[in-house]
Amino acid sequence: MRALAAAILISSAFLAGCTTITPEEQRAIDSRTCLSYGFKRKTDAYSTCLLQLELDRRAERRSRFEQMQYRNQPMLLHGGYRPLWW
């Protein structure tokens, strides 16, 4: 019985960390970030700040996707070369 309770507690703690941010929440976070930088709402600089945050986020996603895509690819070695980290 204790093991079951412990398993439920651990799994609920694990799932509590899996939260999704809605687009509206992300926009609010980005808005607060740009305002904290000193930009004023309804200015070109504020809009540019919001755009740059979104572009940075997309670039980060692309980078993580590319890293995951090539992570499990076999490494071909030619000429008996062996990397130092093996």
PDB file of N, CA and C in Angstrom:
ATOM      1  N   MET A   1       0.815  -1.187   0.000  1.00  0.00           N
ATOM      2  CA  MET A   1       0.000   0.000   0.000  1.00  0.00           C
ATOM      3  C   MET A   1       0.864   1.258   0.000  1.00  0.00           C
ATOM      4  N   ARG A   2       1.957   1.225   0.782  1.00  0.00           N
ATOM      5  CA  ARG A   2       2.858   2.369   0.816  1.00  0.00           C
ATOM      6  C   ARG A   2       3.529   2.596  -0.534  1.00  0.00           C
ATOM      7  N   ALA A   3       3.860   1.489  -1.203  1.00  0.00           N
ATOM      8  CA  ALA A   3       4.501   1.618  -2.514  1.00  0.00           C
ATOM      9  C   ALA A   3       3.556   2.262  -3.512  1.00  0.00           C
ATOM     10  N   LEU A   4       2.286   1.905  -3.451  1.00  0.00           N
ATOM     11  CA  LEU A   4       1.293   2.494  -4.353  1.00  0.00           C
ATOM     12  C   LEU A   4       1.135   3.985  -4.065  1.00  0.00           C
ATOM     13  N   ALA A   5       1.087   4.344  -2.804  1.00  0.00           N
ATOM     14  CA  ALA A   5       0.957   5.755  -2.437  1.00  0.00           C
ATOM     15  C   ALA A   5       2.189   6.542  -2.879  1.00  0.00           C
ATOM     16  N   ALA A   6       3.347   5.949  -2.708  1.00  0.00           N
ATOM     17  CA  ALA A   6       4.584   6.611  -3.126  1.00  0.00           C
ATOM     18  C   ALA A   6       4.614   6.780  -4.643  1.00  0.00           C
ATOM     19  N   ALA A   7       4.177   5.762  -5.370  1.00  0.00           N
ATOM     20  CA  ALA A   7       4.160   5.844  -6.833  1.00  0.00           C
ATOM     21  C   ALA A   7       3.193   6.924  -7.300  1.00  0.00           C
ATOM     22  N   ILE A   8       2.049   7.013  -6.673  1.00  0.00           N
ATOM     23  CA  ILE A   8       1.073   8.049  -7.033  1.00  0.00           C
ATOM     24  C   ILE A   8       1.625   9.430  -6.725  1.00  0.00           C
ATOM     25  N   LEU A   9       2.257   9.576  -5.588  1.00  0.00           N
ATOM     26  CA  LEU A   9       2.830  10.862  -5.205  1.00  0.00           C
ATOM     27  C   LEU A   9       3.931  11.288  -6.161  1.00  0.00           C
ATOM     28  N   ILE A  10       4.804  10.383  -6.511  1.00  0.00           N
ATOM     29  CA  ILE A  10       5.906  10.691  -7.424  1.00  0.00           C
ATOM     30  C   ILE A  10       5.379  11.029  -8.816  1.00  0.00           C
ATOM     31  N   SER A  11       4.427  10.232  -9.309  1.00  0.00           N
ATOM     32  CA  SER A  11       3.899  10.507 -10.647  1.00  0.00           C
ATOM     33  C   SER A  11       3.125  11.816 -10.695  1.00  0.00           C
ATOM     34  N   SER A  12       2.402  12.157  -9.631  1.00  0.00           N
ATOM     35  CA  SER A  12       1.676  13.432  -9.627  1.00  0.00           C
ATOM     36  C   SER A  12       2.649  14.605  -9.555  1.00  0.00           C
ATOM     37  N   ALA A  13       3.730  14.447  -8.815  1.00  0.00           N
ATOM     38  CA  ALA A  13       4.745  15.509  -8.762  1.00  0.00           C
ATOM     39  C   ALA A  13       5.410  15.675 -10.117  1.00  0.00           C
ATOM     40  N   PHE A  14       5.643  14.568 -10.798  1.00  0.00           N
ATOM     41  CA  PHE A  14       6.247  14.626 -12.130  1.00  0.00           C
ATOM     42  C   PHE A  14       5.310  15.309 -13.120  1.00  0.00           C
ATOM     43  N   LEU A  15       4.048  14.950 -13.101  1.00  0.00           N
ATOM     44  CA  LEU A  15       3.082  15.532 -14.026  1.00  0.00           C
ATOM     45  C   LEU A  15       2.790  16.993 -13.723  1.00  0.00           C
ATOM     46  N   ALA A  16       2.942  17.403 -12.495  1.00  0.00           N
ATOM     47  CA  ALA A  16       2.721  18.802 -12.138  1.00  0.00           C
ATOM     48  C   ALA A  16       3.743  19.704 -12.817  1.00  0.00           C
ATOM     49  N   GLY A  17       4.913  19.176 -13.108  1.00  0.00           N
ATOM     50  CA  GLY A  17       5.936  19.955 -13.791  1.00  0.00           C
ATOM     51  C   GLY A  17       5.694  20.091 -15.283  1.00  0.00           C
ATOM     52  N   CYS A  18       4.781  19.319 -15.839  1.00  0.00           N
ATOM     53  CA  CYS A  18       4.471  19.361 -17.266  1.00  0.00           C
ATOM     54  C   CYS A  18       3.319  20.323 -17.502  1.00  0.00           C
ATOM     55  N   THR A  19       3.642  21.575 -17.674  1.00  0.00           N
ATOM     56  CA  THR A  19       2.600  22.561 -17.925  1.00  0.00           C
ATOM     57  C   THR A  19       2.805  23.147 -19.312  1.00  0.00           C
ATOM     58  N   THR A  20       1.718  23.568 -19.908  1.00  0.00           N
ATOM     59  CA  THR A  20       1.761  24.173 -21.230  1.00  0.00           C
ATOM     60  C   THR A  20       1.361  25.627 -21.108  1.00  0.00           C
ATOM     61  N   ILE A  21       2.092  26.481 -21.777  1.00  0.00           N
ATOM     62  CA  ILE A  21       1.783  27.903 -21.777  1.00  0.00           C
ATOM     63  C   ILE A  21       0.945  28.192 -23.014  1.00  0.00           C
ATOM     64  N   THR A  22      -0.194  28.814 -22.817  1.00  0.00           N
ATOM     65  CA  THR A  22      -1.054  29.165 -23.945  1.00  0.00           C
ATOM     66  C   THR A  22      -0.434  30.352 -24.694  1.00  0.00           C
ATOM     67  N   PRO A  23      -0.822  30.553 -25.947  1.00  0.00           N
ATOM     68  CA  PRO A  23      -0.299  31.713 -26.684  1.00  0.00           C
ATOM     69  C   PRO A  23      -0.592  33.043 -25.986  1.00  0.00           C
ATOM     70  N   GLU A  24      -1.729  33.132 -25.337  1.00  0.00           N
ATOM     71  CA  GLU A  24      -2.073  34.366 -24.625  1.00  0.00           C
ATOM     72  C   GLU A  24      -1.143  34.590 -23.432  1.00  0.00           C
ATOM     73  N   GLU A  25      -0.851  33.510 -22.708  1.00  0.00           N
ATOM     74  CA  GLU A  25       0.083  33.620 -21.581  1.00  0.00           C
ATOM     75  C   GLU A  25       1.478  33.979 -22.066  1.00  0.00           C
ATOM     76  N   GLN A  26       1.904  33.392 -23.183  1.00  0.00           N
ATOM     77  CA  GLN A  26       3.227  33.699 -23.730  1.00  0.00           C
ATOM     78  C   GLN A  26       3.303  35.160 -24.152  1.00  0.00           C
ATOM     79  N   ARG A  27       2.245  35.663 -24.764  1.00  0.00           N
ATOM     80  CA  ARG A  27       2.199  37.067 -25.176  1.00  0.00           C
ATOM     81  C   ARG A  27       2.299  37.978 -23.960  1.00  0.00           C
ATOM     82  N   ALA A  28       1.608  37.625 -22.878  1.00  0.00           N
ATOM     83  CA  ALA A  28       1.667  38.430 -21.656  1.00  0.00           C
ATOM     84  C   ALA A  28       3.080  38.419 -21.067  1.00  0.00           C
ATOM     85  N   ILE A  29       3.724  37.273 -21.098  1.00  0.00           N
ATOM     86  CA  ILE A  29       5.100  37.169 -20.593  1.00  0.00           C
ATOM     87  C   ILE A  29       6.032  38.024 -21.449  1.00  0.00           C
ATOM     88  N   ASP A  30       5.878  37.914 -22.780  1.00  0.00           N
ATOM     89  CA  ASP A  30       6.708  38.709 -23.686  1.00  0.00           C
ATOM     90  C   ASP A  30       6.459  40.206 -23.489  1.00  0.00           C
ATOM     91  N   SER A  31       5.187  40.577 -23.294  1.00  0.00           N
ATOM     92  CA  SER A  31       4.850  41.981 -23.082  1.00  0.00           C
ATOM     93  C   SER A  31       5.522  42.515 -21.818  1.00  0.00           C
ATOM     94  N   ARG A  32       5.444  41.731 -20.731  1.00  0.00           N
ATOM     95  CA  ARG A  32       6.102  42.151 -19.479  1.00  0.00           C
ATOM     96  C   ARG A  32       7.611  42.271 -19.668  1.00  0.00           C
ATOM     97  N   THR A  33       8.186  41.351 -20.454  1.00  0.00           N
ATOM     98  CA  THR A  33       9.630  41.405 -20.700  1.00  0.00           C
ATOM     99  C   THR A  33      10.004  42.688 -21.423  1.00  0.00           C
ATOM    100  N   CYS A  34       9.271  43.012 -22.497  1.00  0.00           N
ATOM    101  CA  CYS A  34       9.579  44.231 -23.261  1.00  0.00           C
ATOM    102  C   CYS A  34       9.343  45.493 -22.430  1.00  0.00           C
ATOM    103  N   LEU A  35       8.281  45.488 -21.621  1.00  0.00           N
ATOM    104  CA  LEU A  35       8.033  46.631 -20.749  1.00  0.00           C
ATOM    105  C   LEU A  35       9.143  46.783 -19.715  1.00  0.00           C
ATOM    106  N   SER A  36       9.679  45.653 -19.223  1.00  0.00           N
ATOM    107  CA  SER A  36      10.766  45.726 -18.238  1.00  0.00           C
ATOM    108  C   SER A  36      12.049  46.265 -18.865  1.00  0.00           C
ATOM    109  N   TYR A  37      12.173  46.129 -20.184  1.00  0.00           N
ATOM    110  CA  TYR A  37      13.328  46.697 -20.891  1.00  0.00           C
ATOM    111  C   TYR A  37      13.188  48.204 -21.090  1.00  0.00           C
ATOM    112  N   GLY A  38      11.994  48.731 -20.803  1.00  0.00           N
ATOM    113  CA  GLY A  38      11.780  50.165 -20.913  1.00  0.00           C
ATOM    114  C   GLY A  38      11.021  50.591 -22.155  1.00  0.00           C
ATOM    115  N   PHE A  39      10.554  49.662 -22.959  1.00  0.00           N
ATOM    116  CA  PHE A  39       9.790  50.011 -24.148  1.00  0.00           C
ATOM    117  C   PHE A  39       8.367  50.372 -23.760  1.00  0.00           C
ATOM    118  N   LYS A  40       7.785  51.304 -24.480  1.00  0.00           N
ATOM    119  CA  LYS A  40       6.411  51.741 -24.236  1.00  0.00           C
ATOM    120  C   LYS A  40       5.478  51.051 -25.216  1.00  0.00           C
ATOM    121  N   ARG A  41       4.282  50.701 -24.727  1.00  0.00           N
ATOM    122  CA  ARG A  41       3.284  50.069 -25.592  1.00  0.00           C
ATOM    123  C   ARG A  41       2.954  50.969 -26.782  1.00  0.00           C
ATOM    124  N   LYS A  42       2.560  50.319 -27.874  1.00  0.00           N
ATOM    125  CA  LYS A  42       2.131  51.002 -29.102  1.00  0.00           C
ATOM    126  C   LYS A  42       3.231  51.840 -29.718  1.00  0.00           C
ATOM    127  N   THR A  43       4.487  51.398 -29.572  1.00  0.00           N
ATOM    128  CA  THR A  43       5.602  52.045 -30.271  1.00  0.00           C
ATOM    129  C   THR A  43       6.263  51.019 -31.169  1.00  0.00           C
ATOM    130  N   ASP A  44       7.020  51.503 -32.137  1.00  0.00           N
ATOM    131  CA  ASP A  44       7.728  50.587 -33.036  1.00  0.00           C
ATOM    132  C   ASP A  44       8.759  49.754 -32.278  1.00  0.00           C
ATOM    133  N   ALA A  45       9.412  50.370 -31.306  1.00  0.00           N
ATOM    134  CA  ALA A  45      10.430  49.649 -30.538  1.00  0.00           C
ATOM    135  C   ALA A  45       9.809  48.495 -29.742  1.00  0.00           C
ATOM    136  N   TYR A  46       8.620  48.726 -29.185  1.00  0.00           N
ATOM    137  CA  TYR A  46       7.908  47.688 -28.434  1.00  0.00           C
ATOM    138  C   TYR A  46       7.537  46.535 -29.368  1.00  0.00           C
ATOM    139  N   SER A  47       7.013  46.864 -30.536  1.00  0.00           N
ATOM    140  CA  SER A  47       6.656  45.835 -31.520  1.00  0.00           C
ATOM    141  C   SER A  47       7.879  45.056 -31.971  1.00  0.00           C
ATOM    142  N   THR A  48       8.972  45.742 -32.180  1.00  0.00           N
ATOM    143  CA  THR A  48      10.211  45.078 -32.580  1.00  0.00           C
ATOM    144  C   THR A  48      10.700  44.147 -31.482  1.00  0.00           C
ATOM    145  N   CYS A  49      10.559  44.561 -30.239  1.00  0.00           N
ATOM    146  CA  CYS A  49      10.954  43.722 -29.109  1.00  0.00           C
ATOM    147  C   CYS A  49      10.130  42.443 -29.082  1.00  0.00           C
ATOM    148  N   LEU A  50       8.810  42.572 -29.235  1.00  0.00           N
ATOM    149  CA  LEU A  50       7.942  41.391 -29.248  1.00  0.00           C
ATOM    150  C   LEU A  50       8.310  40.461 -30.403  1.00  0.00           C
ATOM    151  N   LEU A  51       8.551  41.040 -31.568  1.00  0.00           N
ATOM    152  CA  LEU A  51       8.917  40.246 -32.739  1.00  0.00           C
ATOM    153  C   LEU A  51      10.233  39.516 -32.506  1.00  0.00           C
ATOM    154  N   GLN A  52      11.216  40.197 -31.938  1.00  0.00           N
ATOM    155  CA  GLN A  52      12.522  39.583 -31.710  1.00  0.00           C
ATOM    156  C   GLN A  52      12.433  38.436 -30.707  1.00  0.00           C
ATOM    157  N   LEU A  53      11.614  38.588 -29.683  1.00  0.00           N
ATOM    158  CA  LEU A  53      11.426  37.503 -28.717  1.00  0.00           C
ATOM    159  C   LEU A  53      10.834  36.271 -29.401  1.00  0.00           C
ATOM    160  N   GLU A  54       9.845  36.481 -30.265  1.00  0.00           N
ATOM    161  CA  GLU A  54       9.224  35.362 -30.979  1.00  0.00           C
ATOM    162  C   GLU A  54      10.210  34.714 -31.948  1.00  0.00           C
ATOM    163  N   LEU A  55      10.973  35.519 -32.664  1.00  0.00           N
ATOM    164  CA  LEU A  55      11.959  34.965 -33.592  1.00  0.00           C
ATOM    165  C   LEU A  55      13.039  34.173 -32.860  1.00  0.00           C
ATOM    166  N   ASP A  56      13.460  34.675 -31.712  1.00  0.00           N
ATOM    167  CA  ASP A  56      14.447  33.947 -30.904  1.00  0.00           C
ATOM    168  C   ASP A  56      13.884  32.612 -30.434  1.00  0.00           C
ATOM    169  N   ARG A  57      12.624  32.602 -30.029  1.00  0.00           N
ATOM    170  CA  ARG A  57      11.990  31.372 -29.574  1.00  0.00           C
ATOM    171  C   ARG A  57      11.893  30.354 -30.717  1.00  0.00           C
ATOM    172  N   ARG A  58      11.532  30.829 -31.914  1.00  0.00           N
ATOM    173  CA  ARG A  58      11.452  29.925 -33.063  1.00  0.00           C
ATOM    174  C   ARG A  58      12.817  29.373 -33.451  1.00  0.00           C
ATOM    175  N   ALA A  59      13.840  30.208 -33.387  1.00  0.00           N
ATOM    176  CA  ALA A  59      15.195  29.746 -33.698  1.00  0.00           C
ATOM    177  C   ALA A  59      15.652  28.693 -32.694  1.00  0.00           C
ATOM    178  N   GLU A  60      15.307  28.883 -31.437  1.00  0.00           N
ATOM    179  CA  GLU A  60      15.659  27.907 -30.401  1.00  0.00           C
ATOM    180  C   GLU A  60      14.952  26.576 -30.658  1.00  0.00           C
ATOM    181  N   ARG A  61      13.668  26.628 -31.039  1.00  0.00           N
ATOM    182  CA  ARG A  61      12.940  25.396 -31.362  1.00  0.00           C
ATOM    183  C   ARG A  61      13.576  24.663 -32.542  1.00  0.00           C
ATOM    184  N   ARG A  62      13.937  25.430 -33.588  1.00  0.00           N
ATOM    185  CA  ARG A  62      14.580  24.813 -34.752  1.00  0.00           C
ATOM    186  C   ARG A  62      15.896  24.159 -34.378  1.00  0.00           C
ATOM    187  N   SER A  63      16.662  24.834 -33.546  1.00  0.00           N
ATOM    188  CA  SER A  63      17.949  24.296 -33.115  1.00  0.00           C
ATOM    189  C   SER A  63      17.766  23.001 -32.337  1.00  0.00           C
ATOM    190  N   ARG A  64      16.801  22.985 -31.405  1.00  0.00           N
ATOM    191  CA  ARG A  64      16.558  21.763 -30.634  1.00  0.00           C
ATOM    192  C   ARG A  64      16.067  20.630 -31.524  1.00  0.00           C
ATOM    193  N   PHE A  65      15.226  20.949 -32.512  1.00  0.00           N
ATOM    194  CA  PHE A  65      14.734  19.928 -33.432  1.00  0.00           C
ATOM    195  C   PHE A  65      15.878  19.336 -34.238  1.00  0.00           C
ATOM    196  N   GLU A  66      16.767  20.178 -34.749  1.00  0.00           N
ATOM    197  CA  GLU A  66      17.894  19.692 -35.531  1.00  0.00           C
ATOM    198  C   GLU A  66      18.827  18.838 -34.686  1.00  0.00           C
ATOM    199  N   GLN A  67      19.030  19.201 -33.435  1.00  0.00           N
ATOM    200  CA  GLN A  67      19.879  18.398 -32.558  1.00  0.00           C
ATOM    201  C   GLN A  67      19.249  17.037 -32.300  1.00  0.00           C
ATOM    202  N   MET A  68      17.932  16.998 -32.100  1.00  0.00           N
ATOM    203  CA  MET A  68      17.256  15.728 -31.869  1.00  0.00           C
ATOM    204  C   MET A  68      17.270  14.867 -33.124  1.00  0.00           C
ATOM    205  N   GLN A  69      17.176  15.501 -34.279  1.00  0.00           N
ATOM    206  CA  GLN A  69      17.106  14.779 -35.534  1.00  0.00           C
ATOM    207  C   GLN A  69      18.392  14.006 -35.806  1.00  0.00           C
ATOM    208  N   TYR A  70      19.530  14.552 -35.442  1.00  0.00           N
ATOM    209  CA  TYR A  70      20.811  13.920 -35.744  1.00  0.00           C
ATOM    210  C   TYR A  70      21.429  13.193 -34.555  1.00  0.00           C
ATOM    211  N   ARG A  71      20.759  13.178 -33.422  1.00  0.00           N
ATOM    212  CA  ARG A  71      21.328  12.595 -32.221  1.00  0.00           C
ATOM    213  C   ARG A  71      21.589  11.095 -32.361  1.00  0.00           C
ATOM    214  N   ASN A  72      20.698  10.349 -32.965  1.00  0.00           N
ATOM    215  CA  ASN A  72      20.819   8.900 -33.032  1.00  0.00           C
ATOM    216  C   ASN A  72      21.371   8.393 -34.360  1.00  0.00           C
ATOM    217  N   GLN A  73      21.990   9.263 -35.118  1.00  0.00           N
ATOM    218  CA  GLN A  73      22.566   8.853 -36.390  1.00  0.00           C
ATOM    219  C   GLN A  73      23.904   8.163 -36.142  1.00  0.00           C
ATOM    220  N   PRO A  74      24.190   7.093 -36.886  1.00  0.00           N
ATOM    221  CA  PRO A  74      25.490   6.429 -36.713  1.00  0.00           C
ATOM    222  C   PRO A  74      26.625   7.315 -37.225  1.00  0.00           C
ATOM    223  N   MET A  75      27.771   7.187 -36.594  1.00  0.00           N
ATOM    224  CA  MET A  75      28.932   7.961 -36.999  1.00  0.00           C
ATOM    225  C   MET A  75      29.842   7.054 -37.826  1.00  0.00           C
ATOM    226  N   LEU A  76      30.139   7.487 -39.037  1.00  0.00           N
ATOM    227  CA  LEU A  76      31.027   6.720 -39.899  1.00  0.00           C
ATOM    228  C   LEU A  76      32.446   7.251 -39.739  1.00  0.00           C
ATOM    229  N   LEU A  77      33.363   6.347 -39.500  1.00  0.00           N
ATOM    230  CA  LEU A  77      34.756   6.722 -39.329  1.00  0.00           C
ATOM    231  C   LEU A  77      35.564   6.131 -40.466  1.00  0.00           C
ATOM    232  N   HIS A  78      36.436   6.933 -41.044  1.00  0.00           N
ATOM    233  CA  HIS A  78      37.269   6.487 -42.162  1.00  0.00           C
ATOM    234  C   HIS A  78      38.740   6.544 -41.769  1.00  0.00           C
ATOM    235  N   GLY A  79      39.505   5.610 -42.265  1.00  0.00           N
ATOM    236  CA  GLY A  79      40.948   5.639 -42.058  1.00  0.00           C
ATOM    237  C   GLY A  79      41.389   5.331 -40.644  1.00  0.00           C
ATOM    238  N   GLY A  80      40.569   4.684 -39.851  1.00  0.00           N
ATOM    239  CA  GLY A  80      40.977   4.306 -38.511  1.00  0.00           C
ATOM    240  C   GLY A  80      40.977   5.456 -37.520  1.00  0.00           C
ATOM    241  N   TYR A  81      40.466   6.605 -37.915  1.00  0.00           N
ATOM    242  CA  TYR A  81      40.409   7.748 -37.006  1.00  0.00           C
ATOM    243  C   TYR A  81      39.420   7.459 -35.892  1.00  0.00           C
ATOM    244  N   ARG A  82      39.824   7.759 -34.662  1.00  0.00           N
ATOM    245  CA  ARG A  82      38.940   7.571 -33.522  1.00  0.00           C
ATOM    246  C   ARG A  82      38.958   8.858 -32.696  1.00  0.00           C
ATOM    247  N   PRO A  83      37.795   9.468 -32.468  1.00  0.00           N
ATOM    248  CA  PRO A  83      37.766  10.717 -31.690  1.00  0.00           C
ATOM    249  C   PRO A  83      38.292  10.497 -30.267  1.00  0.00           C
ATOM    250  N   LEU A  84      38.799  11.554 -29.682  1.00  0.00           N
ATOM    251  CA  LEU A  84      39.375  11.467 -28.341  1.00  0.00           C
ATOM    252  C   LEU A  84      38.336  11.185 -27.264  1.00  0.00           C
ATOM    253  N   TRP A  85      37.073  11.547 -27.496  1.00  0.00           N
ATOM    254  CA  TRP A  85      36.064  11.391 -26.456  1.00  0.00           C
ATOM    255  C   TRP A  85      35.478  10.002 -26.396  1.00  0.00           C
ATOM    256  N   TRP A  86      35.932   9.059 -27.233  1.00  0.00           N
ATOM    257  CA  TRP A  86      35.414   7.688 -27.190  1.00  0.00           C
ATOM    258  C   TRP A  86      36.190   6.867 -26.237  1.00  0.00           C
TER     259      TRP A  86
END
